[in-house]
């Protein structure tokens, strides 16, 4: 059995090396061939990434956008992106094409930034935005779970997929207008394991934030369940703030 296991390991390694020769791994952002010490994203793209720096600023534009809507301890986004951005294509890759390993790697990268800031070191529970069971069945996996898993690994926190559930099927937010989005996610979430969240610092994780209605609805569901806890949010990407035009 030991010799068979060793043979399988050698064959597996040969197979991976052969695949790399036939289909060399390339950067998911720029398409350049990756070096041996690079994974998913080349070092140049990592250096030039449109990072927000929000995790280093307690009162950043994302946090301020939730003021008066839901009480948050902190809020951050890692990247700015726009419709033509290659970083938007990266997100679509793991959201719709089952690149779960890419989502987890992005989560680890983001989690290290959050940890370095010092503002997220009291996080105890990381909650990925839940998918409705029907949506999960159609997509096959929840990309926010893999983001959350990577972030939790860096923050040395636990991932909780049981305590908050999506109980109402909703249309994709991206296809709706601003006013429709709020109605679409109203009463869509429910806390089913309150004790697991009680007296803990919770980090809600999602891939993309535009208006913030979905995260607001999820956070409000936790508040309405009268859970005594702190809530923070972390999203991978958000559009850049619109410049203020003076009259």
Protein backbone atom coordinates (compact mmCIF):
# COMPACT_ATOMS: atom_id res chain seq x y z
CA UNK A 1 0.00 0.00 0.00
CA UNK A 2 2.84 2.37 0.84
CA UNK A 3 4.55 1.75 -2.51
CA UNK A 4 1.23 2.25 -4.32
CA UNK A 5 0.68 5.55 -2.51
CA UNK A 6 4.18 6.69 -3.44
CA UNK A 7 3.60 5.74 -7.07
CA UNK A 8 0.30 7.67 -7.14
CA UNK A 9 2.04 10.71 -5.65
CA UNK A 10 4.74 10.60 -8.33
CA UNK A 11 2.17 10.18 -11.12
CA UNK A 12 0.13 13.06 -9.72
CA UNK A 13 3.19 15.29 -9.65
CA UNK A 14 4.10 14.34 -13.24
CA UNK A 15 0.53 15.06 -14.32
CA UNK A 16 0.57 18.54 -12.77
CA UNK A 17 3.93 19.30 -14.37
CA UNK A 18 2.67 18.09 -17.75
CA UNK A 19 -0.44 20.27 -17.45
CA UNK A 20 1.72 23.27 -16.59
CA UNK A 21 3.76 22.67 -19.73
CA UNK A 22 0.68 22.33 -21.93
CA UNK A 23 -1.39 24.99 -20.15
CA UNK A 24 0.99 27.27 -18.23
CA UNK A 25 -0.77 29.21 -15.44
CA UNK A 26 -1.37 32.86 -16.24
CA UNK A 27 -2.30 35.89 -14.16
CA UNK A 28 -6.08 36.21 -13.96
CA UNK A 29 -5.78 39.99 -14.17
CA UNK A 30 -3.28 40.70 -16.97
CA UNK A 31 -2.91 37.29 -18.61
CA UNK A 32 0.89 37.19 -18.22
CA UNK A 33 2.48 33.80 -17.49
CA UNK A 34 3.00 33.32 -13.77
CA UNK A 35 6.40 32.70 -12.21
CA UNK A 36 6.92 29.66 -9.99
CA UNK A 37 6.46 31.72 -6.81
CA UNK A 38 3.26 33.43 -8.03
CA UNK A 39 -0.28 32.14 -7.60
CA UNK A 40 -3.34 33.34 -9.51
CA UNK A 41 -2.14 36.98 -9.66
CA UNK A 42 1.30 38.18 -10.71
CA UNK A 43 3.38 40.39 -8.42
CA UNK A 44 3.07 43.36 -10.79
CA UNK A 45 -0.74 43.26 -10.68
CA UNK A 46 -0.69 42.86 -6.91
CA UNK A 47 1.52 45.94 -6.66
CA UNK A 48 -0.71 47.95 -9.03
CA UNK A 49 -4.02 46.69 -7.60
CA UNK A 50 -6.62 49.47 -7.12
CA UNK A 51 -6.72 49.04 -3.35
CA UNK A 52 -8.95 51.33 -1.31
CA UNK A 53 -6.91 51.55 1.90
CA UNK A 54 -10.24 51.67 3.75
CA UNK A 55 -9.11 49.07 6.32
CA UNK A 56 -6.62 51.63 7.67
CA UNK A 57 -9.27 54.35 8.12
CA UNK A 58 -12.00 53.82 10.75
CA UNK A 59 -14.16 56.57 9.22
CA UNK A 60 -13.78 55.80 5.53
CA UNK A 61 -16.41 56.51 2.82
CA UNK A 62 -17.81 52.97 3.01
CA UNK A 63 -18.32 53.15 6.77
CA UNK A 64 -19.91 56.59 6.41
CA UNK A 65 -22.35 55.27 3.80
CA UNK A 66 -23.92 53.06 6.50
CA UNK A 67 -24.34 55.80 9.09
CA UNK A 68 -28.00 56.09 10.04
CA UNK A 69 -28.79 52.77 8.35
CA UNK A 70 -27.30 50.13 10.64
CA UNK A 71 -24.89 50.38 13.61
CA UNK A 72 -21.49 49.06 12.50
CA UNK A 73 -18.23 48.71 14.40
CA UNK A 74 -16.15 49.01 11.20
CA UNK A 75 -16.50 48.63 7.43
CA UNK A 76 -14.00 48.08 4.65
CA UNK A 77 -13.59 47.22 0.98
CA UNK A 78 -10.33 45.94 -0.47
CA UNK A 79 -10.56 47.01 -4.12
CA UNK A 80 -12.07 49.70 -6.30
CA UNK A 81 -13.45 48.41 -9.57
CA UNK A 82 -15.44 49.65 -12.54
CA UNK A 83 -17.27 47.89 -15.35
CA UNK A 84 -14.26 47.68 -17.68
CA UNK A 85 -11.76 46.80 -14.95
CA UNK A 86 -9.87 43.48 -15.21
CA UNK A 87 -10.46 43.14 -11.47
CA UNK A 88 -14.18 42.97 -12.22
CA UNK A 89 -13.45 40.05 -14.54
CA UNK A 90 -11.52 38.39 -11.70
CA UNK A 91 -14.57 38.62 -9.44
CA UNK A 92 -16.82 37.20 -12.16
CA UNK A 93 -14.33 34.36 -12.57
CA UNK A 94 -14.81 33.09 -9.03
CA UNK A 95 -18.45 34.14 -8.74
CA UNK A 96 -19.78 32.44 -11.86
CA UNK A 97 -17.03 30.06 -13.04
CA UNK A 98 -16.37 28.13 -9.82
CA UNK A 99 -12.84 29.43 -9.25
CA UNK A 100 -13.20 28.84 -5.53
CA UNK A 101 -9.43 28.62 -4.96
CA UNK A 102 -9.07 32.13 -6.40
CA UNK A 103 -11.79 33.43 -4.04
CA UNK A 104 -10.02 31.88 -1.06
CA UNK A 105 -6.65 33.34 -2.10
CA UNK A 106 -8.21 36.80 -2.43
CA UNK A 107 -9.70 36.31 1.05
CA UNK A 108 -6.30 35.44 2.53
CA UNK A 109 -4.74 38.52 0.89
CA UNK A 110 -7.54 40.73 2.19
CA UNK A 111 -7.44 39.12 5.63
CA UNK A 112 -3.74 39.90 6.00
CA UNK A 113 -4.45 43.57 5.23
CA UNK A 114 -7.27 43.65 7.77
CA UNK A 115 -5.03 42.07 10.41
CA UNK A 116 -2.16 44.49 9.75
CA UNK A 117 -4.48 47.46 10.31
CA UNK A 118 -5.24 46.39 13.88
CA UNK A 119 -8.89 47.45 13.58
CA UNK A 120 -10.16 43.93 12.89
CA UNK A 121 -8.15 41.92 15.40
CA UNK A 122 -11.13 41.44 17.73
CA UNK A 123 -13.16 39.64 15.04
CA UNK A 124 -14.28 36.26 16.40
CA UNK A 125 -16.81 35.06 13.83
CA UNK A 126 -16.77 35.53 10.06
CA UNK A 127 -20.20 35.15 8.42
CA UNK A 128 -20.32 34.89 4.62
CA UNK A 129 -23.42 36.35 3.03
CA UNK A 130 -25.84 33.42 2.82
CA UNK A 131 -27.25 32.20 -0.49
CA UNK A 132 -30.82 30.99 -0.76
CA UNK A 133 -30.85 27.16 -1.15
CA UNK A 134 -32.28 27.48 -4.66
CA UNK A 135 -29.54 29.92 -5.69
CA UNK A 136 -26.94 27.62 -4.15
CA UNK A 137 -28.36 24.70 -6.10
CA UNK A 138 -28.14 26.64 -9.37
CA UNK A 139 -24.64 28.03 -8.78
CA UNK A 140 -23.16 25.04 -6.98
CA UNK A 141 -21.29 26.96 -4.32
CA UNK A 142 -21.20 30.23 -2.39
CA UNK A 143 -18.25 32.38 -3.45
CA UNK A 144 -18.59 34.51 -0.31
CA UNK A 145 -17.92 31.41 1.80
CA UNK A 146 -14.48 30.97 0.23
CA UNK A 147 -13.70 34.66 0.65
CA UNK A 148 -14.76 34.37 4.29
CA UNK A 149 -12.66 31.26 4.79
CA UNK A 150 -9.54 33.04 3.53
CA UNK A 151 -10.23 36.11 5.68
CA UNK A 152 -10.95 33.99 8.76
CA UNK A 153 -7.69 32.10 8.30
CA UNK A 154 -5.71 35.35 8.35
CA UNK A 155 -7.66 36.75 11.32
CA UNK A 156 -7.59 33.43 13.23
CA UNK A 157 -11.38 33.51 13.50
CA UNK A 158 -14.07 30.92 12.86
CA UNK A 159 -16.39 30.77 9.86
CA UNK A 160 -20.09 30.48 10.68
CA UNK A 161 -22.47 29.36 7.92
CA UNK A 162 -25.22 28.09 10.24
CA UNK A 163 -26.39 31.05 12.32
CA UNK A 164 -27.79 33.35 9.61
CA UNK A 165 -29.90 32.00 6.75
CA UNK A 166 -31.38 33.49 3.61
CA UNK A 167 -35.03 32.55 3.92
CA UNK A 168 -36.49 34.33 0.90
CA UNK A 169 -35.42 33.91 -2.71
CA UNK A 170 -34.53 37.26 -4.26
CA UNK A 171 -33.66 38.51 -7.71
CA UNK A 172 -30.01 39.42 -8.43
CA UNK A 173 -29.40 42.92 -7.08
CA UNK A 174 -27.24 43.91 -10.07
CA UNK A 175 -30.28 43.82 -12.33
CA UNK A 176 -32.38 46.16 -10.20
CA UNK A 177 -32.63 49.90 -9.75
CA UNK A 178 -31.61 51.57 -6.50
CA UNK A 179 -35.16 51.73 -5.08
CA UNK A 180 -35.99 48.16 -6.08
CA UNK A 181 -32.92 46.76 -4.34
CA UNK A 182 -34.13 47.72 -0.87
CA UNK A 183 -37.50 46.04 -1.36
CA UNK A 184 -35.87 43.00 -2.95
CA UNK A 185 -33.85 42.04 0.15
CA UNK A 186 -36.32 43.16 2.84
CA UNK A 187 -36.91 40.29 5.32
CA UNK A 188 -34.66 38.03 3.26
CA UNK A 189 -32.49 36.94 6.24
CA UNK A 190 -33.15 35.28 9.57
CA UNK A 191 -31.00 34.39 12.57
CA UNK A 192 -31.50 30.71 13.41
CA UNK A 193 -28.68 30.18 15.96
CA UNK A 194 -28.63 33.26 18.12
CA UNK A 195 -26.42 31.83 20.87
CA UNK A 196 -23.51 31.29 18.44
CA UNK A 197 -23.38 35.05 17.77
CA UNK A 198 -24.14 36.36 21.26
CA UNK A 199 -21.48 38.70 22.74
CA UNK A 200 -19.15 38.23 19.81
CA UNK A 201 -17.61 40.48 17.17
CA UNK A 202 -19.05 39.40 13.81
CA UNK A 203 -17.61 40.16 10.38
CA UNK A 204 -20.14 39.97 7.53
CA UNK A 205 -18.37 39.18 4.25
CA UNK A 206 -19.56 39.70 0.68
CA UNK A 207 -17.86 39.92 -2.70
CA UNK A 208 -19.20 43.21 -4.11
CA UNK A 209 -20.98 46.20 -2.60
CA UNK A 210 -22.81 48.84 -4.60
CA UNK A 211 -25.69 50.30 -2.59
CA UNK A 212 -25.12 48.09 0.47
CA UNK A 213 -28.78 47.05 0.71
CA UNK A 214 -28.04 43.33 1.05
CA UNK A 215 -25.50 43.75 3.83
CA UNK A 216 -27.79 46.24 5.56
CA UNK A 217 -30.67 43.76 5.46
CA UNK A 218 -28.48 40.99 6.88
CA UNK A 219 -27.11 43.20 9.67
CA UNK A 220 -30.62 44.41 10.52
CA UNK A 221 -31.83 40.81 10.76
CA UNK A 222 -29.16 40.22 13.42
CA UNK A 223 -30.19 43.39 15.26
CA UNK A 224 -33.88 42.50 15.06
CA UNK A 225 -33.11 39.09 16.59
CA UNK A 226 -31.79 41.11 19.58
CA UNK A 227 -28.36 39.54 19.37
CA UNK A 228 -25.97 41.34 21.72
CA UNK A 229 -22.91 41.63 19.45
CA UNK A 230 -20.66 43.92 17.42
CA UNK A 231 -21.05 43.89 13.63
CA UNK A 232 -18.43 44.82 11.05
CA UNK A 233 -18.45 44.28 7.31
CA UNK A 234 -15.76 43.49 4.75
CA UNK A 235 -16.41 43.38 1.01
CA UNK A 236 -13.86 42.55 -1.62
CA UNK A 237 -14.77 45.31 -4.07
CA UNK A 238 -16.82 48.47 -4.41
CA UNK A 239 -17.03 51.16 -7.10
CA UNK A 240 -14.80 54.20 -6.51
CA UNK A 241 -16.51 57.20 -4.88
CA UNK A 242 -17.94 59.67 -7.32
CA UNK A 243 -16.04 62.95 -7.43
CA UNK A 244 -17.84 65.92 -5.90
CA UNK A 245 -18.72 68.45 -8.58
CA UNK A 246 -18.78 71.98 -7.28
CA UNK A 247 -21.52 74.27 -8.57
